[in-house]
C-alpha atoms as a PDB file:
ATOM      1  CA  MET A   1      -0.309  -0.207  -0.023  1.00  0.00           C
ATOM      2  CA  LYS A   2       0.573   3.589  -0.632  1.00  0.00           C
ATOM      3  CA  PHE A   3       0.414   5.936   1.820  1.00  0.00           C
ATOM      4  CA  GLY A   4       0.631   9.600   2.119  1.00  0.00           C
ATOM      5  CA  ILE A   5       1.358  12.376   4.977  1.00  0.00           C
ATOM      6  CA  LEU A   6       0.852  16.306   5.256  1.00  0.00           C
ATOM      7  CA  THR A   7       0.940  18.477   8.363  1.00  0.00           C
ATOM      8  CA  SER A   8      -1.893  21.186   7.193  1.00  0.00           C
ATOM      9  CA  GLY A   9      -2.425  24.997   9.208  1.00  0.00           C
ATOM     10  CA  GLY A  10      -0.989  26.789  12.182  1.00  0.00           C
ATOM     11  CA  ASP A  11       1.973  24.950  13.759  1.00  0.00           C
ATOM     12  CA  CYS A  12       1.981  22.976  16.320  1.00  0.00           C
ATOM     13  CA  ALA A  13       4.028  21.399  18.938  1.00  0.00           C
ATOM     14  CA  GLY A  14       4.669  17.562  18.399  1.00  0.00           C
ATOM     15  CA  LEU A  15       3.544  17.591  14.099  1.00  0.00           C
ATOM     16  CA  ASN A  16       6.943  15.680  13.579  1.00  0.00           C
ATOM     17  CA  ALA A  17       5.942  13.152  16.199  1.00  0.00           C
ATOM     18  CA  VAL A  18       3.018  11.793  14.875  1.00  0.00           C
ATOM     19  CA  ILE A  19       4.820  11.759  11.320  1.00  0.00           C
ATOM     20  CA  ARG A  20       7.360   9.627  13.164  1.00  0.00           C
ATOM     21  CA  SER A  21       4.733   7.009  14.878  1.00  0.00           C
ATOM     22  CA  ILE A  22       2.805   6.808  11.358  1.00  0.00           C
ATOM     23  CA  GLY A  23       5.524   5.775  10.063  1.00  0.00           C
ATOM     24  CA  LEU A  24       7.608   3.584  12.471  1.00  0.00           C
ATOM     25  CA  TYR A  25       3.619   1.775  12.874  1.00  0.00           C
ATOM     26  CA  LEU A  26       3.536   1.246   8.682  1.00  0.00           C
ATOM     27  CA  LEU A  27       6.897  -0.109   8.131  1.00  0.00           C
ATOM     28  CA  ARG A  28       5.959  -2.498  10.743  1.00  0.00           C
ATOM     29  CA  ASN A  29       2.489  -3.923   9.898  1.00  0.00           C
ATOM     30  CA  ALA A  30       1.078  -2.697   6.101  1.00  0.00           C
ATOM     31  CA  LYS A  31       2.679  -5.027   3.969  1.00  0.00           C
ATOM     32  CA  ASN A  32       4.979  -3.107   1.554  1.00  0.00           C
ATOM     33  CA  ALA A  33       4.262   0.018   2.595  1.00  0.00           C
ATOM     34  CA  GLU A  34       5.433   2.664   0.631  1.00  0.00           C
ATOM     35  CA  ILE A  35       5.711   6.478   3.009  1.00  0.00           C
ATOM     36  CA  VAL A  36       5.452   9.898   1.294  1.00  0.00           C
ATOM     37  CA  GLY A  37       5.769  13.032   2.222  1.00  0.00           C
ATOM     38  CA  ILE A  38       3.668  15.999   1.115  1.00  0.00           C
ATOM     39  CA  PRO A  39       4.940  19.124   1.025  1.00  0.00           C
ATOM     40  CA  ASP A  40       3.323  22.354   2.238  1.00  0.00           C
ATOM     41  CA  GLY A  41       0.517  20.788   3.612  1.00  0.00           C
ATOM     42  CA  TYR A  42      -2.407  20.832   0.726  1.00  0.00           C
ATOM     43  CA  GLY A  43      -0.903  23.047  -1.131  1.00  0.00           C
ATOM     44  CA  GLY A  44       2.189  20.095  -1.957  1.00  0.00           C
ATOM     45  CA  LEU A  45      -1.242  18.060  -3.075  1.00  0.00           C
ATOM     46  CA  ILE A  46      -2.357  20.836  -4.862  1.00  0.00           C
ATOM     47  CA  ARG A  47       0.699  21.005  -7.182  1.00  0.00           C
ATOM     48  CA  GLY A  48       1.377  17.676  -6.890  1.00  0.00           C
ATOM     49  CA  GLU A  49       4.622  17.496  -4.936  1.00  0.00           C
ATOM     50  CA  SER A  50       5.223  14.425  -3.006  1.00  0.00           C
ATOM     51  CA  TYR A  51       9.001  12.538  -1.432  1.00  0.00           C
ATOM     52  CA  PRO A  52       9.463   8.972  -0.473  1.00  0.00           C
ATOM     53  CA  LEU A  53      10.230   8.624   3.594  1.00  0.00           C
ATOM     54  CA  ARG A  54      11.588   5.877   4.658  1.00  0.00           C
ATOM     55  CA  LYS A  55      13.065   4.925   8.090  1.00  0.00           C
ATOM     56  CA  GLU A  56      15.531   7.317   8.654  1.00  0.00           C
ATOM     57  CA  ASP A  57      13.672   9.736   7.555  1.00  0.00           C
ATOM     58  CA  PHE A  58      11.646   9.059  11.288  1.00  0.00           C
ATOM     59  CA  GLU A  59      14.608   8.925  13.294  1.00  0.00           C
ATOM     60  CA  GLY A  60      15.759  11.807  15.897  1.00  0.00           C
ATOM     61  CA  ILE A  61      12.044  13.642  15.497  1.00  0.00           C
ATOM     62  CA  LEU A  62      10.326  12.652  18.094  1.00  0.00           C
ATOM     63  CA  ALA A  63      11.561  15.965  19.996  1.00  0.00           C
ATOM     64  CA  TYR A  64      12.040  18.035  17.230  1.00  0.00           C
ATOM     65  CA  GLY A  65       9.237  20.802  17.053  1.00  0.00           C
ATOM     66  CA  GLY A  66       7.707  22.505  13.411  1.00  0.00           C
ATOM     67  CA  THR A  67       7.201  19.850  10.612  1.00  0.00           C
ATOM     68  CA  ILE A  68       9.483  18.438   8.724  1.00  0.00           C
ATOM     69  CA  LEU A  69       7.329  18.106   5.795  1.00  0.00           C
ATOM     70  CA  HIS A  70       6.678  22.481   6.429  1.00  0.00           C
ATOM     71  CA  THR A  71       3.218  23.609   6.394  1.00  0.00           C
ATOM     72  CA  SER A  72       1.043  26.423   4.536  1.00  0.00           C
ATOM     73  CA  ARG A  73      -2.537  27.454   5.189  1.00  0.00           C
ATOM     74  CA  GLN A  74      -5.026  26.514   2.405  1.00  0.00           C
ATOM     75  CA  PRO A  75      -8.385  27.977   3.572  1.00  0.00           C
ATOM     76  CA  PHE A  76     -11.173  25.118   2.512  1.00  0.00           C
ATOM     77  CA  LYS A  77     -13.633  28.027   1.466  1.00  0.00           C
ATOM     78  CA  LYS A  78     -10.635  28.437  -1.800  1.00  0.00           C
ATOM     79  CA  MET A  79     -11.239  24.942  -2.483  1.00  0.00           C
ATOM     80  CA  THR A  80     -13.998  24.512  -4.890  1.00  0.00           C
ATOM     81  CA  VAL A  81     -13.703  28.045  -6.151  1.00  0.00           C
ATOM     82  CA  PRO A  82     -13.681  27.633 -10.162  1.00  0.00           C
ATOM     83  CA  GLU A  83      -9.190  28.458 -10.799  1.00  0.00           C
ATOM     84  CA  GLU A  84      -7.471  28.208 -13.882  1.00  0.00           C
ATOM     85  CA  GLY A  85      -6.637  24.456 -14.143  1.00  0.00           C
ATOM     86  CA  GLY A  86     -10.280  23.522 -12.230  1.00  0.00           C
ATOM     87  CA  THR A  87     -10.703  23.790  -8.832  1.00  0.00           C
ATOM     88  CA  ARG A  88      -8.355  23.332  -5.781  1.00  0.00           C
ATOM     89  CA  LEU A  89     -10.189  20.245  -5.188  1.00  0.00           C
ATOM     90  CA  SER A  90      -9.931  18.974  -8.000  1.00  0.00           C
ATOM     91  CA  ARG A  91      -6.227  19.145  -8.539  1.00  0.00           C
ATOM     92  CA  MET A  92      -6.256  17.385  -4.862  1.00  0.00           C
ATOM     93  CA  VAL A  93      -8.296  14.702  -6.107  1.00  0.00           C
ATOM     94  CA  ALA A  94      -6.255  14.415  -9.557  1.00  0.00           C
ATOM     95  CA  ASN A  95      -3.033  14.535  -7.915  1.00  0.00           C
ATOM     96  CA  TYR A  96      -3.934  12.026  -5.539  1.00  0.00           C
ATOM     97  CA  LYS A  97      -4.806   9.368  -7.636  1.00  0.00           C
ATOM     98  CA  LYS A  98      -1.712  10.584 -10.273  1.00  0.00           C
ATOM     99  CA  MET A  99       0.363   9.562  -6.473  1.00  0.00           C
ATOM    100  CA  GLY A 100      -1.275   5.899  -6.481  1.00  0.00           C
ATOM    101  CA  LEU A 101      -2.137   7.010  -2.518  1.00  0.00           C
ATOM    102  CA  ASP A 102      -4.191   4.057  -1.057  1.00  0.00           C
ATOM    103  CA  CYS A 103      -4.491   6.020   1.569  1.00  0.00           C
ATOM    104  CA  LEU A 104      -3.586   9.957   2.629  1.00  0.00           C
ATOM    105  CA  PHE A 105      -3.000  11.138   6.265  1.00  0.00           C
ATOM    106  CA  THR A 106      -3.769  14.857   7.152  1.00  0.00           C
ATOM    107  CA  LEU A 107      -2.570  15.900  10.254  1.00  0.00           C
ATOM    108  CA  GLY A 108      -4.712  19.591  11.287  1.00  0.00           C
ATOM    109  CA  GLY A 109      -7.072  21.622  12.533  1.00  0.00           C
ATOM    110  CA  ALA A 110     -11.026  22.226  12.362  1.00  0.00           C
ATOM    111  CA  GLY A 111      -9.704  23.854   8.112  1.00  0.00           C
ATOM    112  CA  THR A 112      -7.719  21.210   7.512  1.00  0.00           C
ATOM    113  CA  HIS A 113     -10.602  17.995   8.244  1.00  0.00           C
ATOM    114  CA  LYS A 114     -12.982  20.137   6.352  1.00  0.00           C
ATOM    115  CA  THR A 115     -11.320  20.021   3.661  1.00  0.00           C
ATOM    116  CA  ALA A 116     -10.040  16.119   4.349  1.00  0.00           C
ATOM    117  CA  ALA A 117     -13.982  15.581   4.579  1.00  0.00           C
ATOM    118  CA  MET A 118     -13.986  16.862   1.011  1.00  0.00           C
ATOM    119  CA  LEU A 119     -11.567  14.268   0.049  1.00  0.00           C
ATOM    120  CA  SER A 120     -13.325  11.836   1.719  1.00  0.00           C
ATOM    121  CA  MET A 121     -16.654  12.456   0.068  1.00  0.00           C
ATOM    122  CA  GLU A 122     -15.119  13.096  -3.664  1.00  0.00           C
ATOM    123  CA  GLY A 123     -13.633   9.145  -3.612  1.00  0.00           C
ATOM    124  CA  CYS A 124      -9.917  10.021  -1.705  1.00  0.00           C
ATOM    125  CA  ASN A 125      -9.193   7.535   1.238  1.00  0.00           C
ATOM    126  CA  VAL A 126      -8.077  10.216   3.761  1.00  0.00           C
ATOM    127  CA  ILE A 127      -7.962   9.264   7.506  1.00  0.00           C
ATOM    128  CA  GLY A 128      -7.064  12.902  10.515  1.00  0.00           C
ATOM    129  CA  VAL A 129      -4.932  14.124  13.093  1.00  0.00           C
ATOM    130  CA  PRO A 130      -7.052  16.552  15.576  1.00  0.00           C
ATOM    131  CA  LYS A 131      -3.364  19.284  15.964  1.00  0.00           C
ATOM    132  CA  THR A 132      -4.312  22.576  17.492  1.00  0.00           C
ATOM    133  CA  ILE A 133      -3.461  24.910  20.019  1.00  0.00           C
ATOM    134  CA  ASP A 134      -6.527  26.089  21.030  1.00  0.00           C
ATOM    135  CA  ASN A 135      -7.921  23.017  21.521  1.00  0.00           C
ATOM    136  CA  ASP A 136     -11.637  23.285  19.548  1.00  0.00           C
ATOM    137  CA  ILE A 137     -11.872  20.506  17.672  1.00  0.00           C
ATOM    138  CA  TYR A 138     -15.220  19.301  17.743  1.00  0.00           C
ATOM    139  CA  GLY A 139     -15.060  15.469  18.891  1.00  0.00           C
ATOM    140  CA  THR A 140     -12.131  15.131  21.187  1.00  0.00           C
ATOM    141  CA  ASP A 141     -11.089  15.660  24.904  1.00  0.00           C
ATOM    142  CA  VAL A 142      -7.727  17.332  23.624  1.00  0.00           C
ATOM    143  CA  THR A 143      -5.910  18.049  20.669  1.00  0.00           C
ATOM    144  CA  PHE A 144      -2.384  17.233  20.589  1.00  0.00           C
ATOM    145  CA  GLY A 145      -0.198  20.039  20.887  1.00  0.00           C
ATOM    146  CA  PHE A 146      -2.302  22.095  22.684  1.00  0.00           C
ATOM    147  CA  ARG A 147      -0.389  20.931  26.385  1.00  0.00           C
ATOM    148  CA  THR A 148       2.503  22.044  24.911  1.00  0.00           C
ATOM    149  CA  ALA A 149       1.225  25.141  24.479  1.00  0.00           C
ATOM    150  CA  VAL A 150      -0.488  25.456  27.995  1.00  0.00           C
ATOM    151  CA  GLU A 151       3.135  24.965  29.639  1.00  0.00           C
ATOM    152  CA  VAL A 152       4.682  27.501  27.235  1.00  0.00           C
ATOM    153  CA  VAL A 153       1.978  29.782  27.899  1.00  0.00           C
ATOM    154  CA  THR A 154       1.435  29.021  31.680  1.00  0.00           C
ATOM    155  CA  GLU A 155       5.913  29.900  32.246  1.00  0.00           C
ATOM    156  CA  ALA A 156       5.664  33.317  30.233  1.00  0.00           C
ATOM    157  CA  PHE A 157       3.095  33.978  32.457  1.00  0.00           C
ATOM    158  CA  ASP A 158       5.061  33.128  35.405  1.00  0.00           C
ATOM    159  CA  ARG A 159       7.331  35.593  34.132  1.00  0.00           C
ATOM    160  CA  ILE A 160       6.103  38.070  33.734  1.00  0.00           C
ATOM    161  CA  ALA A 161       4.351  38.310  36.681  1.00  0.00           C
ATOM    162  CA  THR A 162       7.010  38.721  38.949  1.00  0.00           C
ATOM    163  CA  THR A 163       7.198  41.921  36.814  1.00  0.00           C
ATOM    164  CA  ALA A 164       3.920  43.133  37.575  1.00  0.00           C
ATOM    165  CA  ALA A 165       4.746  42.911  41.016  1.00  0.00           C
ATOM    166  CA  SER A 166       7.951  44.497  41.137  1.00  0.00           C
ATOM    167  CA  HIS A 167       6.249  47.769  39.285  1.00  0.00           C
ATOM    168  CA  SER A 168       2.620  46.927  41.403  1.00  0.00           C
ATOM    169  CA  ARG A 169       1.189  46.935  37.501  1.00  0.00           C
ATOM    170  CA  ILE A 170      -1.729  45.603  36.098  1.00  0.00           C
ATOM    171  CA  MET A 171      -0.424  42.965  33.200  1.00  0.00           C
ATOM    172  CA  LEU A 172      -2.428  41.861  30.440  1.00  0.00           C
ATOM    173  CA  VAL A 173      -1.066  39.442  27.987  1.00  0.00           C
ATOM    174  CA  GLU A 174      -2.947  38.009  24.945  1.00  0.00           C
ATOM    175  CA  VAL A 175      -3.338  34.249  23.955  1.00  0.00           C
ATOM    176  CA  MET A 176      -4.034  33.165  20.700  1.00  0.00           C
ATOM    177  CA  GLY A 177      -7.782  31.593  20.046  1.00  0.00           C
ATOM    178  CA  ASN A 178      -9.214  33.488  18.067  1.00  0.00           C
ATOM    179  CA  LYS A 179     -13.100  31.453  17.976  1.00  0.00           C
ATOM    180  CA  ALA A 180     -12.076  29.547  21.359  1.00  0.00           C
ATOM    181  CA  GLY A 181     -10.604  29.799  25.012  1.00  0.00           C
ATOM    182  CA  TRP A 182      -9.388  26.698  26.141  1.00  0.00           C
ATOM    183  CA  LEU A 183      -5.642  27.981  26.152  1.00  0.00           C
ATOM    184  CA  THR A 184      -6.180  30.806  28.001  1.00  0.00           C
ATOM    185  CA  LEU A 185      -8.940  29.385  30.057  1.00  0.00           C
ATOM    186  CA  GLN A 186      -6.300  26.598  31.183  1.00  0.00           C
ATOM    187  CA  SER A 187      -2.943  28.363  31.442  1.00  0.00           C
ATOM    188  CA  GLY A 188      -4.694  31.357  33.370  1.00  0.00           C
ATOM    189  CA  ILE A 189      -5.834  29.239  35.696  1.00  0.00           C
ATOM    190  CA  ALA A 190      -3.051  27.336  35.876  1.00  0.00           C
ATOM    191  CA  ALA A 191      -0.584  30.876  36.163  1.00  0.00           C
ATOM    192  CA  GLY A 192      -3.153  31.817  38.838  1.00  0.00           C
ATOM    193  CA  ALA A 193      -4.547  35.043  37.013  1.00  0.00           C
ATOM    194  CA  HIS A 194      -6.933  37.376  38.997  1.00  0.00           C
ATOM    195  CA  MET A 195      -9.366  37.869  35.215  1.00  0.00           C
ATOM    196  CA  ILE A 196      -9.593  35.702  32.597  1.00  0.00           C
ATOM    197  CA  LEU A 197     -11.159  37.390  28.975  1.00  0.00           C
ATOM    198  CA  ILE A 198     -12.376  34.896  26.541  1.00  0.00           C
ATOM    199  CA  PRO A 199     -14.762  35.004  23.456  1.00  0.00           C
ATOM    200  CA  GLU A 200     -17.561  32.522  24.760  1.00  0.00           C
ATOM    201  CA  ILE A 201     -18.312  35.738  27.760  1.00  0.00           C
ATOM    202  CA  PRO A 202     -18.328  39.080  25.940  1.00  0.00           C
ATOM    203  CA  PHE A 203     -16.930  41.323  28.717  1.00  0.00           C
ATOM    204  CA  SER A 204     -18.228  44.368  30.560  1.00  0.00           C
ATOM    205  CA  LEU A 205     -15.976  47.490  29.818  1.00  0.00           C
ATOM    206  CA  ASP A 206     -16.843  48.616  33.723  1.00  0.00           C
ATOM    207  CA  ALA A 207     -17.511  45.760  35.183  1.00  0.00           C
ATOM    208  CA  VAL A 208     -13.372  44.714  33.648  1.00  0.00           C
ATOM    209  CA  CYS A 209     -12.455  48.093  35.553  1.00  0.00           C
ATOM    210  CA  ASP A 210     -14.848  47.850  39.138  1.00  0.00           C
ATOM    211  CA  PHE A 211     -12.905  44.650  39.423  1.00  0.00           C
ATOM    212  CA  LEU A 212      -9.446  46.356  38.945  1.00  0.00           C
ATOM    213  CA  SER A 213     -10.501  49.513  40.857  1.00  0.00           C
ATOM    214  CA  ALA A 214     -11.554  46.899  44.072  1.00  0.00           C
ATOM    215  CA  ARG A 215      -8.462  45.198  43.693  1.00  0.00           C
ATOM    216  CA  LEU A 216      -6.527  48.057  44.245  1.00  0.00           C
ATOM    217  CA  ALA A 217      -8.429  49.426  46.626  1.00  0.00           C
ATOM    218  CA  ALA A 218      -8.020  46.198  48.464  1.00  0.00           C
ATOM    219  CA  GLY A 219      -4.292  46.800  48.272  1.00  0.00           C
ATOM    220  CA  GLU A 220      -3.444  44.491  45.939  1.00  0.00           C
ATOM    221  CA  ARG A 221       0.082  46.117  44.686  1.00  0.00           C
ATOM    222  CA  SER A 222      -0.524  43.320  41.136  1.00  0.00           C
ATOM    223  CA  THR A 223      -2.852  41.817  38.697  1.00  0.00           C
ATOM    224  CA  MET A 224      -3.025  39.532  36.121  1.00  0.00           C
ATOM    225  CA  VAL A 225      -5.399  39.510  32.815  1.00  0.00           C
ATOM    226  CA  ALA A 226      -5.348  36.798  30.098  1.00  0.00           C
ATOM    227  CA  VAL A 227      -6.881  38.254  27.347  1.00  0.00           C
ATOM    228  CA  ALA A 228      -7.991  35.359  24.477  1.00  0.00           C
ATOM    229  CA  GLU A 229      -6.920  37.151  21.206  1.00  0.00           C
ATOM    230  CA  GLY A 230     -11.015  36.384  20.309  1.00  0.00           C
ATOM    231  CA  ALA A 231     -11.983  37.954  23.305  1.00  0.00           C
ATOM    232  CA  LEU A 232     -14.912  40.791  23.303  1.00  0.00           C
ATOM    233  CA  LEU A 233     -16.878  43.494  24.109  1.00  0.00           C
ATOM    234  CA  ASP A 234     -20.268  42.857  25.223  1.00  0.00           C
ATOM    235  CA  SER A 235     -21.135  45.537  22.616  1.00  0.00           C
ATOM    236  CA  GLU A 236     -18.870  43.644  20.298  1.00  0.00           C
ATOM    237  CA  ALA A 237     -21.131  40.577  20.474  1.00  0.00           C
ATOM    238  CA  LYS A 238     -24.149  41.050  18.532  1.00  0.00           C
ATOM    239  CA  PHE A 239     -21.547  41.922  15.351  1.00  0.00           C
ATOM    240  CA  LYS A 240     -19.861  38.890  13.162  1.00  0.00           C
ATOM    241  CA  LYS A 241     -15.659  38.960  13.325  1.00  0.00           C
ATOM    242  CA  GLU A 242     -15.168  41.015  10.239  1.00  0.00           C
ATOM    243  CA  GLN A 243     -17.992  43.634  11.275  1.00  0.00           C
ATOM    244  CA  ARG A 244     -15.793  43.716  14.218  1.00  0.00           C
ATOM    245  CA  ALA A 245     -12.679  44.582  12.981  1.00  0.00           C
ATOM    246  CA  PHE A 246     -14.040  46.760  10.803  1.00  0.00           C
ATOM    247  CA  VAL A 247     -15.739  48.916  13.894  1.00  0.00           C
ATOM    248  CA  ARG A 248     -12.037  48.190  15.261  1.00  0.00           C
ATOM    249  CA  THR A 249     -10.207  49.755  12.508  1.00  0.00           C
ATOM    250  CA  ALA A 250     -12.750  53.171  12.037  1.00  0.00           C
ATOM    251  CA  LEU A 251     -11.720  53.541  15.222  1.00  0.00           C
ATOM    252  CA  GLY A 252      -8.027  52.897  15.377  1.00  0.00           C
ATOM    253  CA  GLU A 253      -8.255  50.357  17.740  1.00  0.00           C
ATOM    254  CA  SER A 254      -5.294  47.141  16.509  1.00  0.00           C
ATOM    255  CA  THR A 255      -6.401  44.217  19.321  1.00  0.00           C
ATOM    256  CA  VAL A 256      -8.749  44.257  22.138  1.00  0.00           C
ATOM    257  CA  THR A 257      -6.003  43.859  24.431  1.00  0.00           C
ATOM    258  CA  ARG A 258      -4.362  47.222  23.333  1.00  0.00           C
ATOM    259  CA  HIS A 259      -7.474  49.100  24.131  1.00  0.00           C
ATOM    260  CA  LEU A 260      -7.921  47.534  27.141  1.00  0.00           C
ATOM    261  CA  ALA A 261      -4.847  48.335  28.804  1.00  0.00           C
ATOM    262  CA  GLU A 262      -5.385  51.744  27.549  1.00  0.00           C
ATOM    263  CA  VAL A 263      -8.855  52.231  29.512  1.00  0.00           C
ATOM    264  CA  ILE A 264      -8.112  49.966  32.113  1.00  0.00           C
ATOM    265  CA  GLY A 265      -4.962  52.478  32.685  1.00  0.00           C
ATOM    266  CA  GLU A 266      -7.728  55.810  32.669  1.00  0.00           C
ATOM    267  CA  ARG A 267     -10.220  54.515  34.419  1.00  0.00           C
ATOM    268  CA  THR A 268      -8.221  52.931  37.469  1.00  0.00           C
ATOM    269  CA  GLY A 269      -5.106  55.472  37.136  1.00  0.00           C
ATOM    270  CA  ALA A 270      -3.616  51.836  37.734  1.00  0.00           C
ATOM    271  CA  GLU A 271       0.008  51.672  35.461  1.00  0.00           C
ATOM    272  CA  THR A 272      -0.901  49.392  33.240  1.00  0.00           C
ATOM    273  CA  ARG A 273       1.155  47.325  30.223  1.00  0.00           C
ATOM    274  CA  TYR A 274      -0.213  44.576  28.119  1.00  0.00           C
ATOM    275  CA  SER A 275       2.026  41.652  26.241  1.00  0.00           C
ATOM    276  CA  VAL A 276       1.060  40.004  22.838  1.00  0.00           C
ATOM    277  CA  LEU A 277       2.623  36.262  23.521  1.00  0.00           C
ATOM    278  CA  GLY A 278       2.652  35.494  19.796  1.00  0.00           C
ATOM    279  CA  TYR A 279       4.014  32.717  17.692  1.00  0.00           C
ATOM    280  CA  LEU A 280       6.193  32.037  20.970  1.00  0.00           C
ATOM    281  CA  GLN A 281       2.455  29.620  22.457  1.00  0.00           C
ATOM    282  CA  ARG A 282       3.123  27.336  18.532  1.00  0.00           C
ATOM    283  CA  GLY A 283       6.375  26.436  18.537  1.00  0.00           C
ATOM    284  CA  GLY A 284       8.999  24.588  20.570  1.00  0.00           C
ATOM    285  CA  THR A 285       9.431  20.642  22.030  1.00  0.00           C
ATOM    286  CA  PRO A 286       6.414  19.030  22.518  1.00  0.00           C
ATOM    287  CA  CYS A 287       5.655  18.054  26.013  1.00  0.00           C
ATOM    288  CA  ALA A 288       5.967  14.567  27.421  1.00  0.00           C
ATOM    289  CA  TYR A 289       2.129  14.362  27.219  1.00  0.00           C
ATOM    290  CA  ASP A 290       2.102  15.745  23.902  1.00  0.00           C
ATOM    291  CA  ARG A 291       4.348  13.401  22.418  1.00  0.00           C
ATOM    292  CA  LEU A 292       2.813  10.825  23.841  1.00  0.00           C
ATOM    293  CA  LEU A 293      -0.046  11.958  22.786  1.00  0.00           C
ATOM    294  CA  CYS A 294       0.983  12.170  19.587  1.00  0.00           C
ATOM    295  CA  SER A 295       2.718   8.516  19.642  1.00  0.00           C
ATOM    296  CA  ARG A 296      -0.638   7.326  20.174  1.00  0.00           C
ATOM    297  CA  LEU A 297      -2.585   9.554  17.793  1.00  0.00           C
ATOM    298  CA  GLY A 298      -0.097   8.881  14.700  1.00  0.00           C
ATOM    299  CA  GLY A 299       0.132   4.646  15.550  1.00  0.00           C
ATOM    300  CA  TYR A 300      -3.860   4.264  16.328  1.00  0.00           C
ATOM    301  CA  ALA A 301      -4.137   6.458  13.107  1.00  0.00           C
ATOM    302  CA  ALA A 302      -2.197   3.804  10.705  1.00  0.00           C
ATOM    303  CA  LYS A 303      -4.012   1.601  12.686  1.00  0.00           C
ATOM    304  CA  LEU A 304      -7.037   2.359  11.131  1.00  0.00           C
ATOM    305  CA  ALA A 305      -5.863   2.362   7.667  1.00  0.00           C
ATOM    306  CA  VAL A 306      -3.782  -0.759   8.239  1.00  0.00           C
ATOM    307  CA  GLU A 307      -7.578  -2.375   8.866  1.00  0.00           C
ATOM    308  CA  GLY A 308      -9.092  -0.121   5.846  1.00  0.00           C
ATOM    309  CA  ARG A 309     -11.389   2.277   8.513  1.00  0.00           C
ATOM    310  CA  PHE A 310     -11.171   5.561   6.054  1.00  0.00           C
ATOM    311  CA  GLY A 311     -13.434   8.541   6.317  1.00  0.00           C
ATOM    312  CA  VAL A 312     -11.819   8.888   9.628  1.00  0.00           C
ATOM    313  CA  THR A 313     -10.267  11.083  12.246  1.00  0.00           C
ATOM    314  CA  ALA A 314      -8.977  10.007  15.324  1.00  0.00           C
ATOM    315  CA  ALA A 315     -10.265  11.324  18.603  1.00  0.00           C
ATOM    316  CA  VAL A 316      -8.947  11.118  22.639  1.00  0.00           C
ATOM    317  CA  SER A 317     -12.620   9.992  24.837  1.00  0.00           C
ATOM    318  CA  GLY A 318     -11.584   9.590  28.350  1.00  0.00           C
ATOM    319  CA  ASN A 319      -8.185   7.388  28.542  1.00  0.00           C
ATOM    320  CA  SER A 320      -8.905   6.198  24.982  1.00  0.00           C
ATOM    321  CA  ILE A 321      -8.340   6.743  21.701  1.00  0.00           C
ATOM    322  CA  THR A 322     -11.030   6.616  18.988  1.00  0.00           C
ATOM    323  CA  PHE A 323     -12.063   8.202  15.961  1.00  0.00           C
ATOM    324  CA  ASN A 324     -15.203   9.817  14.331  1.00  0.00           C
ATOM    325  CA  ALA A 325     -16.428   9.933  11.492  1.00  0.00           C
ATOM    326  CA  LEU A 326     -14.764  13.304   9.352  1.00  0.00           C
ATOM    327  CA  ALA A 327     -18.574  13.973   8.204  1.00  0.00           C
ATOM    328  CA  ASP A 328     -19.798  13.995  11.667  1.00  0.00           C
ATOM    329  CA  ILE A 329     -17.133  16.551  13.217  1.00  0.00           C
ATOM    330  CA  ALA A 330     -16.167  18.174  10.004  1.00  0.00           C
ATOM    331  CA  GLY A 331     -17.578  22.418   9.947  1.00  0.00           C
ATOM    332  CA  LYS A 332     -18.280  22.144  13.981  1.00  0.00           C
ATOM    333  CA  TYR A 333     -16.059  23.212  16.662  1.00  0.00           C
ATOM    334  CA  LYS A 334     -14.949  22.245  20.582  1.00  0.00           C
ATOM    335  CA  PHE A 335     -16.391  25.850  22.698  1.00  0.00           C
ATOM    336  CA  VAL A 336     -15.616  26.863  26.645  1.00  0.00           C
ATOM    337  CA  ASP A 337     -19.118  26.382  28.617  1.00  0.00           C
ATOM    338  CA  PRO A 338     -19.784  29.269  29.910  1.00  0.00           C
ATOM    339  CA  GLN A 339     -21.292  27.707  32.859  1.00  0.00           C
ATOM    340  CA  GLY A 340     -18.931  24.104  33.023  1.00  0.00           C
ATOM    341  CA  GLU A 341     -16.928  23.071  35.651  1.00  0.00           C
ATOM    342  CA  GLU A 342     -13.641  25.210  34.834  1.00  0.00           C
ATOM    343  CA  VAL A 343     -15.329  28.437  34.671  1.00  0.00           C
ATOM    344  CA  CYS A 344     -17.111  27.859  37.517  1.00  0.00           C
ATOM    345  CA  PHE A 345     -14.506  26.651  39.716  1.00  0.00           C
ATOM    346  CA  ALA A 346     -12.705  29.326  38.091  1.00  0.00           C
ATOM    347  CA  ARG A 347     -15.193  31.541  39.480  1.00  0.00           C
ATOM    348  CA  SER A 348     -15.752  30.111  43.099  1.00  0.00           C
ATOM    349  CA  ILE A 349     -12.167  30.944  43.812  1.00  0.00           C
ATOM    350  CA  GLY A 350     -12.484  34.876  43.021  1.00  0.00           C
ATOM    351  CA  ILE A 351     -11.290  35.014  38.979  1.00  0.00           C
ATOM    352  CA  SER A 352     -13.305  37.210  37.352  1.00  0.00           C
ATOM    353  CA  PHE A 353     -14.227  36.639  33.751  1.00  0.00           C
ATOM    354  CA  GLY A 354     -15.645  40.477  33.282  1.00  0.00           C
ATOM    355  CA  ASP A 355     -18.660  40.093  33.222  1.00  0.00           C
ATOM    356  CA  ARG A 356     -21.251  40.592  35.870  1.00  0.00           C
ATOM    357  CA  ALA A 357     -22.519  37.240  36.634  1.00  0.00           C
END
């Protein structure tokens, strides 16, 4: 059998660990296995590019960050848009057949899974593996790369907190998470943040400033605020992302974190600073948890391929690795429940979410 592997979407710790596990399993358990790497995510498949992967290519990459196959973003919305030479989807299907693939492994996030579902519907044998630091893929308890990002963000908070305490400042730390606030929520709790702002719970400027003013009045010398990049004001909740961006641009606001820092400083009189962690959260060596999870997910995905189970994606359920049909999870997201256990726990120990609850 001939197997293709690609990594698509944003960078994420653990991609190489999954590639390694898929490769090692197939070489040991699939008869006459031929494995090829497809470079630059779906971009490589669109162009029809691939190269052989051998046992030596899987050695020494378990702890290596990034992806040896490289990656790119190919928005699924553009996959069926007519272009010269056909749609991107039609070119990928044609190249899948031209390469003689019996199965394609797609390592990626929500957008990657949407495209994988399209390929599956077009007759390609596809198996997904859930990757994203946002942890927002529907149908799986956790995605690989998420725990490493939580560790990285938590350490960054710890370092910034010492400066906040030394200078008696309010410090806002912007964390990745445009649609879902899992990374901000869990790292914020782990780092001892006093306030956590996430997309699922729109915040009020008045509520935020009242909370911070109360801390100042109580003699608290510093405050740490975790802000998801997708956090939004309660007045913005009714708008779609594009509309919010238009309004913010018109007002001269670059990010919600910067705007919030300015408002807090003006209203409370406290010295306020903000830090955007950015791509620091995506890169680097995967933590031990992710190395184990990636190995299990990759091996399980390869096992599904050997068994002839296609059109699915690997998933985590409790302590077990299982799978979901791509058609059932594509286009769906897993969001933080505002009434869920983690949010309720955080509130119970005094963490504010910037609302009036």
